[in-house]
Amino acid sequence: MGYLDENEWILLNEIAYNISYIFTVEEMQDEILNRWLPILIPYDAAVLA
């Protein structure tokens, strides 16, 4: 089982905190695809089609 490092916990905490400020589905999609996904999944391991 993998464990998260401290910086990964901080990132997940920031994402959860920022979700409370997003009011529309379009804003949520934009934030997830453009900001959070590249941070959570490194580019060398991600394939976005």
PDB file of N, CA and C in Angstrom:
ATOM      1  N   MET A   1       0.847  -1.168   0.000  1.00  0.00           N
ATOM      2  CA  MET A   1       0.000   0.000   0.000  1.00  0.00           C
ATOM      3  C   MET A   1       0.898   1.239   0.000  1.00  0.00           C
ATOM      4  N   GLY A   2       0.596   2.182  -0.866  1.00  0.00           N
ATOM      5  CA  GLY A   2       1.373   3.407  -0.920  1.00  0.00           C
ATOM      6  C   GLY A   2       0.912   4.417   0.112  1.00  0.00           C
ATOM      7  N   TYR A   3       1.821   5.260   0.490  1.00  0.00           N
ATOM      8  CA  TYR A   3       1.529   6.319   1.448  1.00  0.00           C
ATOM      9  C   TYR A   3       1.831   7.663   0.818  1.00  0.00           C
ATOM     10  N   LEU A   4       1.121   8.684   1.255  1.00  0.00           N
ATOM     11  CA  LEU A   4       1.328  10.022   0.724  1.00  0.00           C
ATOM     12  C   LEU A   4       2.382  10.757   1.537  1.00  0.00           C
ATOM     13  N   ASP A   5       3.189  11.531   0.824  1.00  0.00           N
ATOM     14  CA  ASP A   5       4.150  12.400   1.496  1.00  0.00           C
ATOM     15  C   ASP A   5       3.430  13.634   2.000  1.00  0.00           C
ATOM     16  N   GLU A   6       4.133  14.420   2.809  1.00  0.00           N
ATOM     17  CA  GLU A   6       3.529  15.605   3.398  1.00  0.00           C
ATOM     18  C   GLU A   6       3.070  16.594   2.324  1.00  0.00           C
ATOM     19  N   ASN A   7       3.883  16.797   1.285  1.00  0.00           N
ATOM     20  CA  ASN A   7       3.505  17.751   0.236  1.00  0.00           C
ATOM     21  C   ASN A   7       2.286  17.275  -0.549  1.00  0.00           C
ATOM     22  N   GLU A   8       2.098  15.971  -0.678  1.00  0.00           N
ATOM     23  CA  GLU A   8       0.917  15.447  -1.355  1.00  0.00           C
ATOM     24  C   GLU A   8      -0.333  15.670  -0.511  1.00  0.00           C
ATOM     25  N   TRP A   9      -0.214  15.521   0.797  1.00  0.00           N
ATOM     26  CA  TRP A   9      -1.343  15.803   1.691  1.00  0.00           C
ATOM     27  C   TRP A   9      -1.715  17.278   1.621  1.00  0.00           C
ATOM     28  N   ILE A  10      -0.720  18.136   1.572  1.00  0.00           N
ATOM     29  CA  ILE A  10      -0.976  19.577   1.488  1.00  0.00           C
ATOM     30  C   ILE A  10      -1.712  19.900   0.196  1.00  0.00           C
ATOM     31  N   LEU A  11      -1.297  19.298  -0.913  1.00  0.00           N
ATOM     32  CA  LEU A  11      -1.954  19.527  -2.197  1.00  0.00           C
ATOM     33  C   LEU A  11      -3.407  19.061  -2.168  1.00  0.00           C
ATOM     34  N   LEU A  12      -3.657  17.878  -1.650  1.00  0.00           N
ATOM     35  CA  LEU A  12      -5.027  17.369  -1.560  1.00  0.00           C
ATOM     36  C   LEU A  12      -5.881  18.233  -0.644  1.00  0.00           C
ATOM     37  N   ASN A  13      -5.301  18.726   0.430  1.00  0.00           N
ATOM     38  CA  ASN A  13      -6.018  19.614   1.333  1.00  0.00           C
ATOM     39  C   ASN A  13      -6.379  20.920   0.620  1.00  0.00           C
ATOM     40  N   GLU A  14      -5.454  21.454  -0.173  1.00  0.00           N
ATOM     41  CA  GLU A  14      -5.721  22.683  -0.918  1.00  0.00           C
ATOM     42  C   GLU A  14      -6.842  22.481  -1.929  1.00  0.00           C
ATOM     43  N   ILE A  15      -6.841  21.349  -2.618  1.00  0.00           N
ATOM     44  CA  ILE A  15      -7.894  21.053  -3.585  1.00  0.00           C
ATOM     45  C   ILE A  15      -9.247  20.973  -2.885  1.00  0.00           C
ATOM     46  N   ALA A  16      -9.313  20.253  -1.782  1.00  0.00           N
ATOM     47  CA  ALA A  16     -10.578  20.126  -1.048  1.00  0.00           C
ATOM     48  C   ALA A  16     -11.062  21.481  -0.548  1.00  0.00           C
ATOM     49  N   TYR A  17     -10.153  22.308  -0.098  1.00  0.00           N
ATOM     50  CA  TYR A  17     -10.518  23.640   0.388  1.00  0.00           C
ATOM     51  C   TYR A  17     -11.044  24.510  -0.750  1.00  0.00           C
ATOM     52  N   ASN A  18     -10.396  24.458  -1.904  1.00  0.00           N
ATOM     53  CA  ASN A  18     -10.794  25.295  -3.032  1.00  0.00           C
ATOM     54  C   ASN A  18     -12.106  24.854  -3.669  1.00  0.00           C
ATOM     55  N   ILE A  19     -12.481  23.604  -3.518  1.00  0.00           N
ATOM     56  CA  ILE A  19     -13.742  23.118  -4.077  1.00  0.00           C
ATOM     57  C   ILE A  19     -14.925  23.889  -3.501  1.00  0.00           C
ATOM     58  N   SER A  20     -14.826  24.315  -2.266  1.00  0.00           N
ATOM     59  CA  SER A  20     -15.936  25.034  -1.647  1.00  0.00           C
ATOM     60  C   SER A  20     -16.175  26.405  -2.275  1.00  0.00           C
ATOM     61  N   TYR A  21     -15.227  26.904  -3.049  1.00  0.00           N
ATOM     62  CA  TYR A  21     -15.374  28.210  -3.696  1.00  0.00           C
ATOM     63  C   TYR A  21     -15.821  28.111  -5.150  1.00  0.00           C
ATOM     64  N   ILE A  22     -15.974  26.908  -5.674  1.00  0.00           N
ATOM     65  CA  ILE A  22     -16.377  26.717  -7.072  1.00  0.00           C
ATOM     66  C   ILE A  22     -17.879  26.483  -7.108  1.00  0.00           C
ATOM     67  N   PHE A  23     -18.568  27.308  -7.897  1.00  0.00           N
ATOM     68  CA  PHE A  23     -20.027  27.274  -7.881  1.00  0.00           C
ATOM     69  C   PHE A  23     -20.651  26.593  -9.096  1.00  0.00           C
ATOM     70  N   THR A  24     -19.936  26.523 -10.219  1.00  0.00           N
ATOM     71  CA  THR A  24     -20.528  25.914 -11.408  1.00  0.00           C
ATOM     72  C   THR A  24     -19.737  24.674 -11.824  1.00  0.00           C
ATOM     73  N   VAL A  25     -20.412  23.807 -12.545  1.00  0.00           N
ATOM     74  CA  VAL A  25     -19.778  22.586 -13.035  1.00  0.00           C
ATOM     75  C   VAL A  25     -18.672  22.931 -14.030  1.00  0.00           C
ATOM     76  N   GLU A  26     -18.893  23.946 -14.849  1.00  0.00           N
ATOM     77  CA  GLU A  26     -17.893  24.339 -15.840  1.00  0.00           C
ATOM     78  C   GLU A  26     -16.605  24.815 -15.170  1.00  0.00           C
ATOM     79  N   GLU A  27     -16.740  25.585 -14.099  1.00  0.00           N
ATOM     80  CA  GLU A  27     -15.558  26.036 -13.360  1.00  0.00           C
ATOM     81  C   GLU A  27     -14.820  24.847 -12.738  1.00  0.00           C
ATOM     82  N   MET A  28     -15.579  23.889 -12.225  1.00  0.00           N
ATOM     83  CA  MET A  28     -14.981  22.706 -11.621  1.00  0.00           C
ATOM     84  C   MET A  28     -14.203  21.895 -12.659  1.00  0.00           C
ATOM     85  N   GLN A  29     -14.803  21.685 -13.826  1.00  0.00           N
ATOM     86  CA  GLN A  29     -14.123  20.956 -14.890  1.00  0.00           C
ATOM     87  C   GLN A  29     -12.843  21.663 -15.314  1.00  0.00           C
ATOM     88  N   ASP A  30     -12.915  22.969 -15.458  1.00  0.00           N
ATOM     89  CA  ASP A  30     -11.752  23.746 -15.862  1.00  0.00           C
ATOM     90  C   ASP A  30     -10.635  23.635 -14.828  1.00  0.00           C
ATOM     91  N   GLU A  31     -10.969  23.748 -13.562  1.00  0.00           N
ATOM     92  CA  GLU A  31      -9.962  23.648 -12.503  1.00  0.00           C
ATOM     93  C   GLU A  31      -9.335  22.259 -12.467  1.00  0.00           C
ATOM     94  N   ILE A  32     -10.163  21.229 -12.589  1.00  0.00           N
ATOM     95  CA  ILE A  32      -9.651  19.859 -12.512  1.00  0.00           C
ATOM     96  C   ILE A  32      -8.722  19.564 -13.687  1.00  0.00           C
ATOM     97  N   LEU A  33      -9.173  19.878 -14.894  1.00  0.00           N
ATOM     98  CA  LEU A  33      -8.391  19.520 -16.079  1.00  0.00           C
ATOM     99  C   LEU A  33      -7.149  20.377 -16.269  1.00  0.00           C
ATOM    100  N   ASN A  34      -7.234  21.641 -15.964  1.00  0.00           N
ATOM    101  CA  ASN A  34      -6.119  22.536 -16.260  1.00  0.00           C
ATOM    102  C   ASN A  34      -5.166  22.762 -15.098  1.00  0.00           C
ATOM    103  N   ARG A  35      -5.634  22.595 -13.882  1.00  0.00           N
ATOM    104  CA  ARG A  35      -4.784  22.943 -12.741  1.00  0.00           C
ATOM    105  C   ARG A  35      -4.401  21.738 -11.896  1.00  0.00           C
ATOM    106  N   TRP A  36      -5.383  20.939 -11.512  1.00  0.00           N
ATOM    107  CA  TRP A  36      -5.115  19.894 -10.534  1.00  0.00           C
ATOM    108  C   TRP A  36      -4.634  18.595 -11.144  1.00  0.00           C
ATOM    109  N   LEU A  37      -5.190  18.195 -12.270  1.00  0.00           N
ATOM    110  CA  LEU A  37      -4.815  16.918 -12.863  1.00  0.00           C
ATOM    111  C   LEU A  37      -3.333  16.852 -13.221  1.00  0.00           C
ATOM    112  N   PRO A  38      -2.764  17.883 -13.852  1.00  0.00           N
ATOM    113  CA  PRO A  38      -1.334  17.815 -14.145  1.00  0.00           C
ATOM    114  C   PRO A  38      -0.457  17.751 -12.897  1.00  0.00           C
ATOM    115  N   ILE A  39      -0.930  18.278 -11.781  1.00  0.00           N
ATOM    116  CA  ILE A  39      -0.159  18.221 -10.543  1.00  0.00           C
ATOM    117  C   ILE A  39      -0.279  16.833  -9.912  1.00  0.00           C
ATOM    118  N   LEU A  40      -1.482  16.263  -9.941  1.00  0.00           N
ATOM    119  CA  LEU A  40      -1.714  14.963  -9.310  1.00  0.00           C
ATOM    120  C   LEU A  40      -1.124  13.813 -10.109  1.00  0.00           C
ATOM    121  N   ILE A  41      -1.148  13.919 -11.444  1.00  0.00           N
ATOM    122  CA  ILE A  41      -0.605  12.875 -12.310  1.00  0.00           C
ATOM    123  C   ILE A  41       0.516  13.496 -13.131  1.00  0.00           C
ATOM    124  N   PRO A  42       1.741  13.095 -12.902  1.00  0.00           N
ATOM    125  CA  PRO A  42       2.855  13.664 -13.670  1.00  0.00           C
ATOM    126  C   PRO A  42       2.661  13.441 -15.173  1.00  0.00           C
ATOM    127  N   TYR A  43       3.144  14.365 -15.956  1.00  0.00           N
ATOM    128  CA  TYR A  43       2.958  14.277 -17.400  1.00  0.00           C
ATOM    129  C   TYR A  43       3.555  13.018 -18.012  1.00  0.00           C
ATOM    130  N   ASP A  44       4.638  12.521 -17.472  1.00  0.00           N
ATOM    131  CA  ASP A  44       5.240  11.319 -18.047  1.00  0.00           C
ATOM    132  C   ASP A  44       4.409  10.074 -17.767  1.00  0.00           C
ATOM    133  N   ALA A  45       3.457  10.152 -16.844  1.00  0.00           N
ATOM    134  CA  ALA A  45       2.620   9.000 -16.515  1.00  0.00           C
ATOM    135  C   ALA A  45       1.180   9.187 -16.998  1.00  0.00           C
ATOM    136  N   ALA A  46       0.845  10.360 -17.507  1.00  0.00           N
ATOM    137  CA  ALA A  46      -0.540  10.638 -17.887  1.00  0.00           C
ATOM    138  C   ALA A  46      -0.707  10.640 -19.403  1.00  0.00           C
ATOM    139  N   VAL A  47      -1.821  10.093 -19.833  1.00  0.00           N
ATOM    140  CA  VAL A  47      -2.209  10.152 -21.240  1.00  0.00           C
ATOM    141  C   VAL A  47      -3.615  10.705 -21.274  1.00  0.00           C
ATOM    142  N   LEU A  48      -3.741  11.938 -21.736  1.00  0.00           N
ATOM    143  CA  LEU A  48      -5.054  12.578 -21.825  1.00  0.00           C
ATOM    144  C   LEU A  48      -5.465  12.625 -23.277  1.00  0.00           C
ATOM    145  N   ALA A  49      -6.577  11.965 -23.579  1.00  0.00           N
ATOM    146  CA  ALA A  49      -7.039  11.933 -24.976  1.00  0.00           C
ATOM    147  C   ALA A  49      -8.310  12.723 -25.122  1.00  0.00           C
TER     148      ALA A  49
END
